[in-house]
Protein backbone atom coordinates (compact mmCIF):
# COMPACT_ATOMS: atom_id res chain seq x y z
CA MET A 1 146.18 58.02 61.52
CA ILE A 2 142.75 57.23 61.57
CA ILE A 3 140.46 56.43 58.75
CA LYS A 4 137.14 55.35 58.33
CA LYS A 5 134.09 55.32 56.10
CA PHE A 6 130.89 56.80 56.81
CA ILE A 7 127.43 55.92 54.72
CA ALA A 8 124.47 58.18 54.67
CA ARG A 9 120.98 58.94 52.11
CA ASP A 10 122.94 61.87 51.39
CA PHE A 11 126.86 63.83 51.63
CA LYS A 12 125.67 66.17 53.83
CA THR A 13 124.51 63.47 56.38
CA ALA A 14 127.43 61.67 55.79
CA MET A 15 129.57 64.82 56.67
CA LYS A 16 127.55 65.40 59.39
CA GLN A 17 128.17 62.20 60.65
CA ALA A 18 132.21 62.06 59.75
CA LYS A 19 132.55 65.83 61.70
CA GLU A 20 130.81 64.14 64.71
CA GLU A 21 132.62 61.35 65.20
CA MET A 22 136.13 62.41 63.55
CA GLY A 23 136.09 66.17 64.18
CA ARG A 24 136.21 68.87 62.09
CA ASP A 25 140.08 68.38 61.38
CA ALA A 26 139.01 65.52 59.20
CA ILE A 27 140.37 65.19 55.48
CA ILE A 28 137.98 63.67 52.60
CA LEU A 29 140.25 60.97 50.79
CA HIS A 30 137.21 59.57 48.54
CA THR A 31 133.80 60.36 47.91
CA GLY A 32 131.05 57.52 45.92
CA GLN A 33 127.88 56.22 46.00
CA VAL A 34 127.08 52.44 47.35
CA ARG A 35 123.60 50.28 46.84
CA LYS A 36 122.52 47.84 49.42
CA GLY A 37 123.34 44.31 48.71
CA GLY A 38 120.22 41.85 48.18
CA LEU A 39 118.15 41.11 45.56
CA LEU A 40 115.97 44.09 45.96
CA SER A 41 119.33 46.31 45.53
CA PHE A 42 118.99 47.35 42.37
CA PHE A 43 115.71 49.10 42.78
CA SER A 44 117.18 51.08 45.74
CA ARG A 45 117.82 54.37 46.02
CA PRO A 46 122.11 54.62 46.44
CA GLN A 47 123.68 55.87 49.63
CA VAL A 48 126.55 58.36 49.44
CA GLU A 49 130.11 56.84 51.04
CA ILE A 50 132.97 59.33 51.76
CA THR A 51 136.21 57.71 53.40
CA VAL A 52 137.61 60.45 56.07
CA ALA A 53 140.92 60.48 57.42
CA VAL A 54 142.27 62.26 60.65
CA ASP A 55 145.57 62.59 62.59
CA ASP A 56 144.95 60.89 65.52
CA SER A 57 148.00 63.17 67.54
CA LEU A 58 146.06 66.31 66.29
CA LYS A 59 142.93 64.91 66.76
CA VAL A 60 143.59 64.85 70.72
CA SER A 61 144.95 68.28 70.54
CA SER A 62 142.13 69.94 68.50
CA ASP A 63 139.53 68.45 70.73
CA LYS A 64 141.43 69.70 74.03
CA ALA A 65 141.54 73.09 72.47
CA ARG A 66 137.73 73.23 71.62
CA ARG A 67 136.97 71.82 75.11
CA ASN A 68 139.10 74.56 76.92
CA PRO A 69 139.25 77.37 74.57
CA VAL A 70 141.86 79.76 74.39
CA PHE A 71 141.39 83.70 75.63
CA PRO A 72 145.04 85.26 74.22
CA PHE A 73 143.93 88.54 75.62
CA SER A 74 142.91 87.16 78.71
CA ASN A 75 145.41 88.22 81.71
CA SER A 76 144.80 84.18 83.63
CA VAL A 77 146.92 82.32 80.53
CA THR A 78 150.28 83.84 81.95
CA SER A 79 150.83 81.05 84.50
CA LYS A 80 149.51 78.47 82.02
CA SER A 81 152.02 79.41 78.76
CA LYS A 82 152.89 76.22 77.86
CA PRO A 83 149.96 74.45 77.41
CA VAL A 84 148.31 77.54 75.99
CA GLU A 85 151.37 77.62 73.39
CA LEU A 86 150.52 73.81 72.57
CA GLU A 87 146.63 74.40 72.02
CA LEU A 88 147.48 77.78 70.15
CA ALA A 89 149.87 75.26 68.05
CA ALA A 90 146.93 72.79 67.18
CA VAL A 91 144.54 75.74 66.67
CA ALA A 92 146.70 76.66 64.01
CA ASN A 93 147.33 73.12 62.63
CA SER A 94 143.39 73.06 62.31
CA ASP A 95 142.78 76.26 60.36
CA LYS A 96 145.67 74.65 57.83
CA ARG A 97 143.96 71.62 57.94
CA GLU A 98 140.87 73.46 56.99
CA LYS A 99 142.42 75.63 54.16
CA GLU A 100 143.53 72.56 52.90
CA LEU A 101 139.93 70.68 52.67
CA LEU A 102 138.47 74.32 51.20
CA ASP A 103 141.42 74.27 48.52
CA GLU A 104 140.67 70.36 47.93
CA LEU A 105 137.12 71.65 47.80
CA GLN A 106 137.74 74.44 45.17
CA ARG A 107 139.54 71.47 42.99
CA MET A 108 136.72 69.50 43.01
CA LYS A 109 134.08 72.46 42.06
CA GLN A 110 136.39 72.77 39.31
CA ILE A 111 136.68 69.63 38.24
CA MET A 112 132.82 69.31 38.08
CA THR A 113 132.39 72.10 36.20
CA ASP A 114 134.65 71.07 33.41
CA VAL A 115 133.15 67.83 32.86
CA LYS A 116 129.66 69.54 33.36
CA LEU A 117 130.84 71.93 30.25
CA LYS A 118 132.58 68.75 28.29
CA MET A 119 129.33 66.83 28.66
CA TYR A 120 127.51 69.48 27.54
CA GLU A 121 129.82 69.89 24.61
CA VAL A 122 129.08 66.65 23.16
CA GLU A 123 125.60 66.70 24.01
CA PHE A 124 125.21 69.90 22.36
CA ILE A 125 127.68 69.60 19.28
CA LYS A 126 126.07 66.30 18.91
CA GLY A 127 123.02 67.69 17.37
CA MET A 128 124.30 69.59 14.76
CA SER A 129 124.44 68.82 11.37
CA GLU A 130 128.02 67.79 10.27
CA ASN A 131 129.37 70.58 8.38
CA VAL A 132 128.79 72.21 11.45
CA GLN A 133 130.56 69.93 13.78
CA ILE A 134 133.54 69.85 11.32
CA PHE A 135 133.77 73.46 11.52
CA TYR A 136 133.66 73.49 15.61
CA GLU A 137 136.83 70.81 15.71
CA ILE A 138 138.61 73.37 13.43
CA LEU A 139 137.66 76.26 15.70
CA ILE A 140 139.41 73.75 18.36
CA ASN A 141 142.10 73.20 16.58
CA ASN A 142 142.88 76.78 15.96
CA LYS A 143 142.83 77.26 19.79
CA VAL A 144 139.34 79.39 19.82
CA GLU A 145 138.50 79.06 23.59
CA LYS A 146 135.57 76.16 24.03
CA GLU A 147 132.86 78.45 25.51
CA LEU A 148 133.39 81.17 22.34
CA ALA A 149 133.42 78.07 19.90
CA LEU A 150 129.78 76.86 21.34
CA LYS A 151 128.49 80.24 20.40
CA ILE A 152 130.01 80.64 17.12
CA VAL A 153 128.32 77.22 15.76
CA ASN A 154 125.30 77.87 17.97
CA SER A 155 124.65 80.86 15.74
CA VAL A 156 125.90 79.41 12.53
CA GLU A 157 123.59 76.23 12.96
CA ALA A 158 120.76 78.60 13.57
CA ARG A 159 121.65 80.68 10.23
CA LEU A 160 122.29 77.43 8.09
CA PRO A 161 119.00 76.17 6.17
CA SER A 162 117.74 73.03 7.20
CA ASP A 163 117.86 71.91 3.22
CA LYS A 164 121.58 73.26 2.80
CA SER A 165 123.51 71.87 6.26
CA ASN A 166 124.75 69.21 4.08
CA ASP A 167 126.11 71.62 1.18
CA GLU A 168 129.76 72.10 2.51
CA ASN A 169 130.24 75.36 0.58
CA TRP A 170 127.01 76.84 1.84
CA ALA A 171 127.89 75.60 5.23
CA LYS A 172 131.04 77.55 4.75
CA ASP A 173 130.17 80.72 3.35
CA VAL A 174 127.42 80.82 6.49
CA CYS A 175 130.92 80.04 8.62
CA LEU A 176 132.72 82.88 7.52
CA HIS A 177 130.27 85.31 7.62
CA THR A 178 129.43 84.57 11.42
CA LEU A 179 133.10 84.57 12.22
CA GLN A 180 133.41 88.30 10.58
CA GLU A 181 130.91 89.75 12.24
CA TYR A 182 133.31 89.25 15.99
CA PHE A 183 135.85 91.33 13.99
CA SER A 184 135.29 94.81 13.64
CA GLU A 185 137.12 96.90 10.55
CA ALA A 186 140.66 97.04 11.43
CA LYS A 187 142.00 100.79 12.12
CA PRO A 188 145.79 101.27 10.91
CA ILE A 189 147.27 104.47 11.62
CA SER A 190 145.69 107.28 10.00
CA ILE A 191 147.21 110.86 9.06
CA SER A 192 144.94 113.41 8.60
CA ASN A 193 145.82 116.34 5.71
CA GLY A 194 147.66 119.15 7.83
CA GLU A 195 148.09 116.67 10.82
CA LYS A 196 151.45 117.54 12.00
CA GLY A 197 153.31 116.03 15.38
CA LYS A 198 151.35 112.77 15.29
CA LEU A 199 152.42 111.29 18.55
CA VAL A 200 152.17 106.76 18.57
CA PHE A 201 153.02 104.79 21.39
CA MET A 202 154.25 101.42 20.66
CA VAL A 203 154.08 99.25 23.84
CA GLY A 204 154.31 95.53 24.90
CA PRO A 205 156.21 93.39 26.87
CA THR A 206 159.50 91.84 25.83
CA GLY A 207 160.38 90.17 23.03
CA VAL A 208 156.85 90.53 20.77
CA GLY A 209 159.16 92.62 18.20
CA LYS A 210 157.97 96.40 18.78
CA THR A 211 161.51 97.44 17.36
CA THR A 212 161.03 95.60 13.97
CA THR A 213 157.41 96.72 13.74
CA ILE A 214 157.82 100.28 14.18
CA ALA A 215 161.15 99.68 11.70
CA LYS A 216 158.57 98.33 8.89
CA LEU A 217 155.50 100.63 9.74
CA ALA A 218 158.51 103.64 9.39
CA ALA A 219 159.38 102.47 6.35
CA ASN A 220 155.64 101.65 4.42
CA LEU A 221 154.38 105.17 5.85
CA ALA A 222 157.64 106.88 4.53
CA PHE A 223 158.35 105.29 1.13
CA THR A 224 154.85 104.25 -0.28
CA GLU A 225 152.74 107.21 1.23
CA GLY A 226 155.12 110.10 1.08
CA LYS A 227 155.10 110.62 4.98
CA GLU A 228 157.50 112.98 7.46
CA VAL A 229 158.58 110.15 10.29
CA ALA A 230 160.77 110.69 13.46
CA VAL A 231 161.68 107.89 15.88
CA ILE A 232 161.89 108.20 19.19
CA THR A 233 163.12 105.29 21.49
CA LEU A 234 162.92 104.91 25.41
CA ASP A 235 164.54 100.95 25.23
CA THR A 236 167.91 102.22 26.78
CA TYR A 237 167.59 99.00 28.71
CA ARG A 238 168.79 97.41 25.52
CA VAL A 239 171.87 98.56 23.33
CA SER A 240 170.96 95.98 20.39
CA ALA A 241 167.69 97.22 20.26
CA ALA A 242 168.69 100.89 20.22
CA GLU A 243 171.26 100.36 17.83
CA GLN A 244 168.82 98.12 15.61
CA LEU A 245 166.44 100.87 15.46
CA ARG A 246 169.33 103.57 14.46
CA THR A 247 170.36 101.33 11.38
CA TYR A 248 167.20 101.08 10.21
CA ALA A 249 166.34 104.89 10.45
CA GLU A 250 169.36 105.58 8.34
CA ILE A 251 168.41 103.06 6.13
CA ILE A 252 164.98 104.87 5.81
CA ASP A 253 166.46 107.88 6.02
CA ILE A 254 164.55 109.05 9.14
CA PRO A 255 165.87 110.94 12.12
CA ILE A 256 165.90 109.22 15.63
CA SER A 257 166.40 110.18 19.28
CA VAL A 258 167.40 108.03 22.08
CA VAL A 259 165.96 109.26 25.40
CA PHE A 260 166.66 108.76 28.85
CA ASN A 261 164.02 110.72 30.91
CA THR A 262 160.88 112.27 30.67
CA PHE A 263 162.93 115.95 30.05
CA ASP A 264 164.53 114.31 27.24
CA LEU A 265 161.78 113.17 26.19
CA GLU A 266 159.69 116.45 25.88
CA GLU A 267 162.68 118.09 24.12
CA ALA A 268 162.38 115.53 21.08
CA ILE A 269 158.92 115.81 20.52
CA LYS A 270 159.32 119.09 20.17
CA GLN A 271 162.13 118.91 18.17
CA TYR A 272 159.81 116.89 15.67
CA GLY A 273 156.77 118.57 16.15
CA ASP A 274 157.09 119.18 12.48
CA LYS A 275 157.08 115.80 11.17
CA ASP A 276 153.65 113.96 10.10
CA LEU A 277 154.28 111.08 12.49
CA ILE A 278 156.21 110.38 15.30
CA PHE A 279 156.52 106.53 16.63
CA VAL A 280 158.11 106.04 20.01
CA ASP A 281 159.45 102.98 20.82
CA THR A 282 159.17 102.07 24.28
CA ALA A 283 161.62 99.31 26.43
CA GLY A 284 159.56 95.85 26.45
CA ARG A 285 158.22 95.99 30.14
CA SER A 286 156.81 93.09 32.31
CA PRO A 287 153.35 93.92 33.11
CA TYR A 288 153.65 92.35 36.28
CA HIS A 289 156.69 94.45 37.38
CA ASP A 290 154.71 98.12 39.40
CA GLU A 291 158.02 100.07 39.31
CA HIS A 292 158.45 98.82 35.44
CA MET A 293 154.62 100.02 34.64
CA GLU A 294 154.68 103.19 36.28
CA GLU A 295 157.93 104.36 34.66
CA LEU A 296 156.13 103.68 31.38
CA ARG A 297 153.33 105.65 32.85
CA GLU A 298 155.40 108.61 33.43
CA PHE A 299 156.36 108.93 30.13
CA ILE A 300 152.95 108.74 28.74
CA GLU A 301 151.97 111.07 31.08
CA ILE A 302 154.12 113.62 29.82
CA GLY A 303 154.20 112.72 26.20
CA LYS A 304 150.51 112.65 26.11
CA PRO A 305 150.12 110.45 22.67
CA HIS A 306 147.72 110.68 20.52
CA GLU A 307 147.54 106.89 19.96
CA ILE A 308 148.79 103.78 22.26
CA ILE A 309 149.01 100.78 20.25
CA LEU A 310 149.83 97.21 22.40
CA VAL A 311 151.95 95.06 20.57
CA LEU A 312 151.04 91.22 21.13
CA SER A 313 152.89 87.64 19.88
CA VAL A 314 150.03 85.33 18.53
CA THR A 315 152.37 82.64 19.99
CA THR A 316 151.69 83.89 23.65
CA ASP A 317 148.70 81.72 25.34
CA SER A 318 145.32 83.23 25.51
CA ASN A 319 144.99 83.82 29.07
CA ASP A 320 148.49 85.06 29.17
CA ILE A 321 147.42 87.60 26.56
CA LYS A 322 144.51 88.68 28.54
CA ASN A 323 146.63 89.20 32.12
CA ILE A 324 148.70 91.24 29.71
CA TYR A 325 145.94 93.28 27.91
CA CYS A 326 144.75 94.12 31.80
CA LYS A 327 147.91 95.25 33.01
CA PHE A 328 148.74 97.75 30.35
CA ASN A 329 145.16 98.98 29.78
CA SER A 330 146.04 100.62 33.29
CA ILE A 331 147.72 103.48 31.23
CA GLY A 332 144.93 103.17 27.80
CA ILE A 333 145.58 101.23 24.83
CA ASP A 334 143.96 102.02 21.30
CA LYS A 335 144.43 99.04 19.41
CA ILE A 336 146.62 96.23 18.96
CA ILE A 337 149.05 94.84 16.30
CA PHE A 338 149.63 90.85 16.41
CA THR A 339 152.88 89.50 15.59
CA LYS A 340 154.87 86.40 14.81
CA LEU A 341 151.53 85.02 12.53
CA ASP A 342 154.63 82.74 10.88
CA GLU A 343 155.43 81.03 14.00
CA THR A 344 152.32 79.21 14.54
CA SER A 345 149.71 77.43 12.68
CA SER A 346 147.25 78.24 14.76
CA TYR A 347 145.55 82.15 15.29
CA GLY A 348 142.65 81.42 17.58
CA GLN A 349 144.40 83.79 19.98
CA ILE A 350 143.50 86.87 17.94
CA LEU A 351 139.69 85.67 18.07
CA ASN A 352 139.75 85.33 21.77
CA THR A 353 141.41 88.46 22.42
CA VAL A 354 139.25 90.54 20.34
CA TYR A 355 135.96 89.09 21.57
CA GLU A 356 137.36 89.89 25.37
CA VAL A 357 138.62 93.28 24.88
CA GLU A 358 136.70 94.62 22.11
CA LYS A 359 139.60 96.95 20.70
CA PRO A 360 140.36 97.14 16.68
CA ILE A 361 143.20 95.42 15.40
CA ALA A 362 145.56 97.76 13.04
CA TYR A 363 148.50 95.54 12.00
CA LEU A 364 149.44 92.03 11.85
CA THR A 365 152.92 90.95 11.06
CA THR A 366 154.21 87.96 9.13
CA GLY A 367 158.10 87.96 9.32
CA GLN A 368 161.26 89.72 10.13
CA ASN A 369 161.40 91.20 6.68
CA VAL A 370 161.49 95.11 6.77
CA PRO A 371 159.35 96.55 5.60
CA ASP A 372 157.52 93.75 4.25
CA ASP A 373 155.93 91.24 6.20
CA ILE A 374 153.07 93.69 7.41
CA GLU A 375 149.33 93.68 6.89
CA ILE A 376 146.28 95.44 7.36
CA PRO A 377 143.59 92.42 8.24
CA ASP A 378 139.93 92.90 7.06
CA PRO A 379 137.04 90.89 9.32
CA LEU A 380 136.66 88.47 5.96
CA TYR A 381 140.99 87.82 5.83
CA LEU A 382 140.88 87.09 9.41
CA ALA A 383 137.77 84.62 9.25
CA LYS A 384 139.73 82.80 6.63
CA MET A 385 142.45 82.32 8.84
CA LEU A 386 140.54 80.81 11.68
CA LEU A 387 139.12 78.07 9.01
CA ARG A 388 142.34 76.79 7.88
CA ARG A 389 143.17 73.56 8.75
CA ASP A 390 147.03 72.38 9.37
CA GLU A 391 147.70 69.84 6.64
CA ALA A 392 150.95 68.73 8.49
């Protein structure tokens, strides 16, 4: 292994020197700035220093490969197959080194981006009133993404009168008003007068609580609103899920059908055509499993639902939620239900998601109790949730 330092007036020149002397297989180990020695060094312009390394055996092989280019489709190389193989290996290793270098540069670029964002964040927040700074910290602690949190507090600061910046209650009211604008009005399931056979598919990944959520909605619609409800379950992968839903259906006194294929689905939909609402409980799907998603798409194409509601757990990371939404949105998503609010103390994932996907929230669930623990949120309610502090 050969390791050497190069010093130049800028990074580009230093890299050129390193490449000419060490070859293009050299890997950057360290970069930094240095000043010349002496009394006047303080006033001199700093220079760039890079430390690079290269495998000396690889350097010899790759230099040979560059001096003797290989043309794999030429007939003249058949008598020199062994040297050609060695040269090809050297070229392959060189390509691998270049890829590693590009990956490292990409990581460095991401680090620099993060550092710049942090510097911007510190300078940006430092110039704001104390109450707005506190508001920003609450948003971050609630897992609101930084870029979005900065956007929100910038709007709050602009709206806050200078003579009210130290008034905590005034600042909180401005914060609540600003947050509400990021939420559209909730859109729960509605049934028009005389409407029959409204079909609602509930979709989502495994473990988010689709079955329990359907039971809560069915019970509330049947008991509170006097609607005639039926349930169809496609979740034949888990016997426990079908049995759980059947038990709920018997308690609520509503019909239920378990279907195994698209033909059975068509028949069940026809059978319940006189009901006000038909819920379809789909099996939990991995959004990254193409076969599962294709099977779900076939059921949806046959059923032609009036609404498709994506059920998401608020305990899931925001980036994972976005990826899940993107995959399921290929089948068409109309609304979102967030579950398991009782299992977390931070609700930024809700704001991050609705800001990104621009879909209305239908319901929030706050526990396992049926038919309780389900709510229709409004923008003010959601805004207040995001201003909660963890007192633990």
